[in-house]
PDB file of all heavy atoms in Angstrom:
ATOM      1  N   ALA A   1      23.132  -6.271 -53.093  1.00  0.00           N
ATOM      2  CA  ALA A   1      21.922  -5.673 -52.528  1.00  0.00           C
ATOM      3  C   ALA A   1      22.136  -4.200 -52.180  1.00  0.00           C
ATOM      4  O   ALA A   1      21.256  -3.364 -52.422  1.00  0.00           O
ATOM      5  CB  ALA A   1      21.489  -6.453 -51.287  1.00  0.00           C
ATOM      6  N   VAL A   2      23.285  -3.875 -51.601  1.00  0.00           N
ATOM      7  CA  VAL A   2      23.553  -2.474 -51.239  1.00  0.00           C
ATOM      8  C   VAL A   2      23.612  -1.605 -52.489  1.00  0.00           C
ATOM      9  O   VAL A   2      23.153  -0.459 -52.493  1.00  0.00           O
ATOM     10  CB  VAL A   2      24.859  -2.364 -50.422  1.00  0.00           C
ATOM     11  CG1 VAL A   2      25.269  -0.895 -50.249  1.00  0.00           C
ATOM     12  CG2 VAL A   2      24.699  -3.020 -49.051  1.00  0.00           C
ATOM     13  N   ALA A   3      24.144  -2.178 -53.571  1.00  0.00           N
ATOM     14  CA  ALA A   3      24.256  -1.424 -54.829  1.00  0.00           C
ATOM     15  C   ALA A   3      22.888  -1.025 -55.383  1.00  0.00           C
ATOM     16  O   ALA A   3      22.786  -0.069 -56.163  1.00  0.00           O
ATOM     17  CB  ALA A   3      25.022  -2.246 -55.861  1.00  0.00           C
ATOM     18  N   LYS A   4      21.840  -1.714 -54.971  1.00  0.00           N
ATOM     19  CA  LYS A   4      20.499  -1.413 -55.447  1.00  0.00           C
ATOM     20  C   LYS A   4      19.790  -0.381 -54.571  1.00  0.00           C
ATOM     21  O   LYS A   4      18.638  -0.037 -54.822  1.00  0.00           O
ATOM     22  CB  LYS A   4      19.669  -2.702 -55.499  1.00  0.00           C
ATOM     23  CG  LYS A   4      20.205  -3.721 -56.494  1.00  0.00           C
ATOM     24  CD  LYS A   4      19.444  -5.042 -56.390  1.00  0.00           C
ATOM     25  CE  LYS A   4      20.043  -6.097 -57.327  1.00  0.00           C
ATOM     26  NZ  LYS A   4      19.381  -7.411 -57.154  1.00  0.00           N
ATOM     27  N   THR A   5      20.476   0.080 -53.537  1.00  0.00           N
ATOM     28  CA  THR A   5      19.887   1.080 -52.641  1.00  0.00           C
ATOM     29  C   THR A   5      20.563   2.430 -52.866  1.00  0.00           C
ATOM     30  O   THR A   5      21.467   2.565 -53.695  1.00  0.00           O
ATOM     31  CB  THR A   5      20.071   0.666 -51.170  1.00  0.00           C
ATOM     32  OG1 THR A   5      21.457   0.793 -50.807  1.00  0.00           O
ATOM     33  CG2 THR A   5      19.613  -0.768 -50.936  1.00  0.00           C
ATOM     34  N   GLU A   6      20.141   3.404 -52.087  1.00  0.00           N
ATOM     35  CA  GLU A   6      20.764   4.728 -52.160  1.00  0.00           C
ATOM     36  C   GLU A   6      22.048   4.802 -51.342  1.00  0.00           C
ATOM     37  O   GLU A   6      22.704   5.841 -51.285  1.00  0.00           O
ATOM     38  CB  GLU A   6      19.787   5.786 -51.644  1.00  0.00           C
ATOM     39  CG  GLU A   6      19.367   5.565 -50.200  1.00  0.00           C
ATOM     40  CD  GLU A   6      18.350   6.575 -49.719  1.00  0.00           C
ATOM     41  OE1 GLU A   6      18.644   7.777 -49.770  1.00  0.00           O
ATOM     42  OE2 GLU A   6      17.257   6.133 -49.299  1.00  0.00           O
ATOM     43  N   TYR A   7      22.397   3.672 -50.692  1.00  0.00           N
ATOM     44  CA  TYR A   7      23.573   3.641 -49.831  1.00  0.00           C
ATOM     45  C   TYR A   7      24.752   2.992 -50.556  1.00  0.00           C
ATOM     46  O   TYR A   7      24.601   2.385 -51.616  1.00  0.00           O
ATOM     47  CB  TYR A   7      23.267   2.846 -48.553  1.00  0.00           C
ATOM     48  CG  TYR A   7      22.105   3.382 -47.757  1.00  0.00           C
ATOM     49  CD1 TYR A   7      20.815   2.869 -47.938  1.00  0.00           C
ATOM     50  CD2 TYR A   7      22.289   4.394 -46.831  1.00  0.00           C
ATOM     51  CE1 TYR A   7      19.740   3.368 -47.207  1.00  0.00           C
ATOM     52  CE2 TYR A   7      21.225   4.894 -46.084  1.00  0.00           C
ATOM     53  CZ  TYR A   7      19.956   4.372 -46.282  1.00  0.00           C
ATOM     54  OH  TYR A   7      18.902   4.859 -45.565  1.00  0.00           O
ATOM     55  N   ASN A   8      25.945   3.097 -49.936  1.00  0.00           N
ATOM     56  CA  ASN A   8      27.094   2.328 -50.402  1.00  0.00           C
ATOM     57  C   ASN A   8      27.792   1.729 -49.185  1.00  0.00           C
ATOM     58  O   ASN A   8      27.387   1.962 -48.044  1.00  0.00           O
ATOM     59  CB  ASN A   8      28.043   3.188 -51.241  1.00  0.00           C
ATOM     60  CG  ASN A   8      28.515   4.415 -50.493  1.00  0.00           C
ATOM     61  OD1 ASN A   8      29.057   4.311 -49.388  1.00  0.00           O
ATOM     62  ND2 ASN A   8      28.312   5.596 -51.078  1.00  0.00           N
ATOM     63  N   PHE A   9      28.862   0.979 -49.405  1.00  0.00           N
ATOM     64  CA  PHE A   9      29.468   0.228 -48.310  1.00  0.00           C
ATOM     65  C   PHE A   9      30.124   1.126 -47.266  1.00  0.00           C
ATOM     66  O   PHE A   9      30.324   0.706 -46.114  1.00  0.00           O
ATOM     67  CB  PHE A   9      30.459  -0.815 -48.847  1.00  0.00           C
ATOM     68  CG  PHE A   9      29.947  -2.223 -48.683  1.00  0.00           C
ATOM     69  CD1 PHE A   9      28.988  -2.726 -49.543  1.00  0.00           C
ATOM     70  CD2 PHE A   9      30.374  -3.015 -47.640  1.00  0.00           C
ATOM     71  CE1 PHE A   9      28.488  -4.006 -49.380  1.00  0.00           C
ATOM     72  CE2 PHE A   9      29.886  -4.300 -47.454  1.00  0.00           C
ATOM     73  CZ  PHE A   9      28.944  -4.794 -48.329  1.00  0.00           C
ATOM     74  N   SER A  10      30.450   2.356 -47.609  1.00  0.00           N
ATOM     75  CA  SER A  10      31.010   3.268 -46.609  1.00  0.00           C
ATOM     76  C   SER A  10      29.955   3.693 -45.589  1.00  0.00           C
ATOM     77  O   SER A  10      30.288   4.243 -44.532  1.00  0.00           O
ATOM     78  CB  SER A  10      31.604   4.507 -47.292  1.00  0.00           C
ATOM     79  OG  SER A  10      30.586   5.248 -47.943  1.00  0.00           O
ATOM     80  N   ASP A  11      28.677   3.421 -45.894  1.00  0.00           N
ATOM     81  CA  ASP A  11      27.587   3.750 -44.975  1.00  0.00           C
ATOM     82  C   ASP A  11      27.261   2.613 -44.006  1.00  0.00           C
ATOM     83  O   ASP A  11      26.376   2.752 -43.164  1.00  0.00           O
ATOM     84  CB  ASP A  11      26.315   4.089 -45.759  1.00  0.00           C
ATOM     85  CG  ASP A  11      26.506   5.263 -46.699  1.00  0.00           C
ATOM     86  OD1 ASP A  11      27.123   6.258 -46.276  1.00  0.00           O
ATOM     87  OD2 ASP A  11      26.052   5.181 -47.860  1.00  0.00           O
ATOM     88  N   VAL A  12      27.966   1.480 -44.139  1.00  0.00           N
ATOM     89  CA  VAL A  12      27.670   0.315 -43.303  1.00  0.00           C
ATOM     90  C   VAL A  12      28.280   0.512 -41.913  1.00  0.00           C
ATOM     91  O   VAL A  12      29.501   0.629 -41.761  1.00  0.00           O
ATOM     92  CB  VAL A  12      28.195  -0.985 -43.937  1.00  0.00           C
ATOM     93  CG1 VAL A  12      27.955  -2.170 -42.989  1.00  0.00           C
ATOM     94  CG2 VAL A  12      27.510  -1.234 -45.278  1.00  0.00           C
ATOM     95  N   LEU A  13      27.424   0.535 -40.901  1.00  0.00           N
ATOM     96  CA  LEU A  13      27.872   0.727 -39.526  1.00  0.00           C
ATOM     97  C   LEU A  13      28.443  -0.560 -38.944  1.00  0.00           C
ATOM     98  O   LEU A  13      29.353  -0.539 -38.117  1.00  0.00           O
ATOM     99  CB  LEU A  13      26.698   1.210 -38.682  1.00  0.00           C
ATOM    100  CG  LEU A  13      26.970   1.601 -37.241  1.00  0.00           C
ATOM    101  CD1 LEU A  13      27.976   2.751 -37.169  1.00  0.00           C
ATOM    102  CD2 LEU A  13      25.670   2.014 -36.562  1.00  0.00           C
ATOM    103  N   GLY A  14      27.906  -1.687 -39.373  1.00  0.00           N
ATOM    104  CA  GLY A  14      28.381  -2.972 -38.878  1.00  0.00           C
ATOM    105  C   GLY A  14      27.613  -4.114 -39.503  1.00  0.00           C
ATOM    106  O   GLY A  14      26.575  -3.910 -40.149  1.00  0.00           O
ATOM    107  N   VAL A  15      28.134  -5.324 -39.308  1.00  0.00           N
ATOM    108  CA  VAL A  15      27.506  -6.545 -39.812  1.00  0.00           C
ATOM    109  C   VAL A  15      27.212  -7.453 -38.625  1.00  0.00           C
ATOM    110  O   VAL A  15      28.111  -7.762 -37.821  1.00  0.00           O
ATOM    111  CB  VAL A  15      28.418  -7.282 -40.814  1.00  0.00           C
ATOM    112  CG1 VAL A  15      27.726  -8.542 -41.342  1.00  0.00           C
ATOM    113  CG2 VAL A  15      28.824  -6.362 -41.960  1.00  0.00           C
ATOM    114  N   GLY A  16      25.968  -7.877 -38.499  1.00  0.00           N
ATOM    115  CA  GLY A  16      25.573  -8.829 -37.465  1.00  0.00           C
ATOM    116  C   GLY A  16      25.257 -10.174 -38.091  1.00  0.00           C
ATOM    117  O   GLY A  16      24.584 -10.241 -39.119  1.00  0.00           O
ATOM    118  N   ILE A  17      25.757 -11.247 -37.475  1.00  0.00           N
ATOM    119  CA  ILE A  17      25.600 -12.586 -38.047  1.00  0.00           C
ATOM    120  C   ILE A  17      25.138 -13.560 -36.968  1.00  0.00           C
ATOM    121  O   ILE A  17      25.751 -13.663 -35.898  1.00  0.00           O
ATOM    122  CB  ILE A  17      26.931 -13.094 -38.653  1.00  0.00           C
ATOM    123  CG1 ILE A  17      27.442 -12.119 -39.724  1.00  0.00           C
ATOM    124  CG2 ILE A  17      26.754 -14.495 -39.236  1.00  0.00           C
ATOM    125  CD1 ILE A  17      28.817 -12.488 -40.280  1.00  0.00           C
ATOM    126  N   GLY A  18      24.052 -14.273 -37.237  1.00  0.00           N
ATOM    127  CA  GLY A  18      23.579 -15.341 -36.369  1.00  0.00           C
ATOM    128  C   GLY A  18      23.939 -16.687 -36.968  1.00  0.00           C
ATOM    129  O   GLY A  18      23.763 -16.910 -38.163  1.00  0.00           O
ATOM    130  N   VAL A  19      24.462 -17.589 -36.136  1.00  0.00           N
ATOM    131  CA  VAL A  19      24.964 -18.885 -36.602  1.00  0.00           C
ATOM    132  C   VAL A  19      24.377 -20.005 -35.731  1.00  0.00           C
ATOM    133  O   VAL A  19      24.314 -19.866 -34.505  1.00  0.00           O
ATOM    134  CB  VAL A  19      26.508 -18.931 -36.533  1.00  0.00           C
ATOM    135  CG1 VAL A  19      27.036 -20.251 -37.074  1.00  0.00           C
ATOM    136  CG2 VAL A  19      27.110 -17.771 -37.311  1.00  0.00           C
ATOM    137  N   PRO A  20      23.972 -21.129 -36.339  1.00  0.00           N
ATOM    138  CA  PRO A  20      23.402 -22.234 -35.561  1.00  0.00           C
ATOM    139  C   PRO A  20      24.471 -23.110 -34.905  1.00  0.00           C
ATOM    140  O   PRO A  20      24.731 -24.243 -35.309  1.00  0.00           O
ATOM    141  CB  PRO A  20      22.620 -23.023 -36.617  1.00  0.00           C
ATOM    142  CG  PRO A  20      23.394 -22.808 -37.878  1.00  0.00           C
ATOM    143  CD  PRO A  20      23.921 -21.391 -37.797  1.00  0.00           C
ATOM    144  N   GLY A  21      25.106 -22.571 -33.887  1.00  0.00           N
ATOM    145  CA  GLY A  21      26.129 -23.317 -33.167  1.00  0.00           C
ATOM    146  C   GLY A  21      26.602 -22.519 -31.972  1.00  0.00           C
ATOM    147  O   GLY A  21      26.269 -21.336 -31.821  1.00  0.00           O
ATOM    148  N   PRO A  22      27.398 -23.132 -31.087  1.00  0.00           N
ATOM    149  CA  PRO A  22      27.922 -22.411 -29.929  1.00  0.00           C
ATOM    150  C   PRO A  22      28.958 -21.377 -30.348  1.00  0.00           C
ATOM    151  O   PRO A  22      29.866 -21.669 -31.126  1.00  0.00           O
ATOM    152  CB  PRO A  22      28.562 -23.515 -29.077  1.00  0.00           C
ATOM    153  CG  PRO A  22      28.837 -24.630 -30.029  1.00  0.00           C
ATOM    154  CD  PRO A  22      27.792 -24.558 -31.099  1.00  0.00           C
ATOM    155  N   VAL A  23      28.800 -20.151 -29.852  1.00  0.00           N
ATOM    156  CA  VAL A  23      29.634 -19.030 -30.288  1.00  0.00           C
ATOM    157  C   VAL A  23      30.314 -18.388 -29.086  1.00  0.00           C
ATOM    158  O   VAL A  23      29.673 -18.150 -28.059  1.00  0.00           O
ATOM    159  CB  VAL A  23      28.782 -17.957 -31.015  1.00  0.00           C
ATOM    160  CG1 VAL A  23      29.646 -16.770 -31.426  1.00  0.00           C
ATOM    161  CG2 VAL A  23      28.086 -18.555 -32.238  1.00  0.00           C
ATOM    162  N   ASN A  24      31.597 -18.105 -29.232  1.00  0.00           N
ATOM    163  CA  ASN A  24      32.289 -17.252 -28.269  1.00  0.00           C
ATOM    164  C   ASN A  24      32.070 -15.819 -28.718  1.00  0.00           C
ATOM    165  O   ASN A  24      32.645 -15.377 -29.714  1.00  0.00           O
ATOM    166  CB  ASN A  24      33.787 -17.586 -28.218  1.00  0.00           C
ATOM    167  CG  ASN A  24      34.524 -16.770 -27.165  1.00  0.00           C
ATOM    168  OD1 ASN A  24      34.306 -15.569 -27.008  1.00  0.00           O
ATOM    169  ND2 ASN A  24      35.408 -17.425 -26.434  1.00  0.00           N
ATOM    170  N   PHE A  25      31.220 -15.100 -27.997  1.00  0.00           N
ATOM    171  CA  PHE A  25      30.818 -13.766 -28.439  1.00  0.00           C
ATOM    172  C   PHE A  25      32.001 -12.805 -28.473  1.00  0.00           C
ATOM    173  O   PHE A  25      32.058 -11.907 -29.311  1.00  0.00           O
ATOM    174  CB  PHE A  25      29.733 -13.224 -27.507  1.00  0.00           C
ATOM    175  CG  PHE A  25      29.198 -11.879 -27.914  1.00  0.00           C
ATOM    176  CD1 PHE A  25      28.410 -11.743 -29.046  1.00  0.00           C
ATOM    177  CD2 PHE A  25      29.480 -10.744 -27.165  1.00  0.00           C
ATOM    178  CE1 PHE A  25      27.910 -10.506 -29.435  1.00  0.00           C
ATOM    179  CE2 PHE A  25      28.980  -9.499 -27.533  1.00  0.00           C
ATOM    180  CZ  PHE A  25      28.199  -9.385 -28.675  1.00  0.00           C
ATOM    181  N   GLU A  26      32.957 -12.984 -27.581  1.00  0.00           N
ATOM    182  CA  GLU A  26      34.090 -12.069 -27.513  1.00  0.00           C
ATOM    183  C   GLU A  26      35.008 -12.204 -28.721  1.00  0.00           C
ATOM    184  O   GLU A  26      35.582 -11.221 -29.191  1.00  0.00           O
ATOM    185  CB  GLU A  26      34.887 -12.311 -26.224  1.00  0.00           C
ATOM    186  CG  GLU A  26      34.100 -12.047 -24.952  1.00  0.00           C
ATOM    187  CD  GLU A  26      33.596 -10.614 -24.853  1.00  0.00           C
ATOM    188  OE1 GLU A  26      34.339  -9.700 -25.262  1.00  0.00           O
ATOM    189  OE2 GLU A  26      32.462 -10.414 -24.387  1.00  0.00           O
TER     190      GLU A  26
END
């Protein structure tokens, strides 16, 4: 998907992920 944009992976500030289960945020 990123390859189809004007951006590349060096422009990624971070990845956020939501998961259906109990998570230790730390």
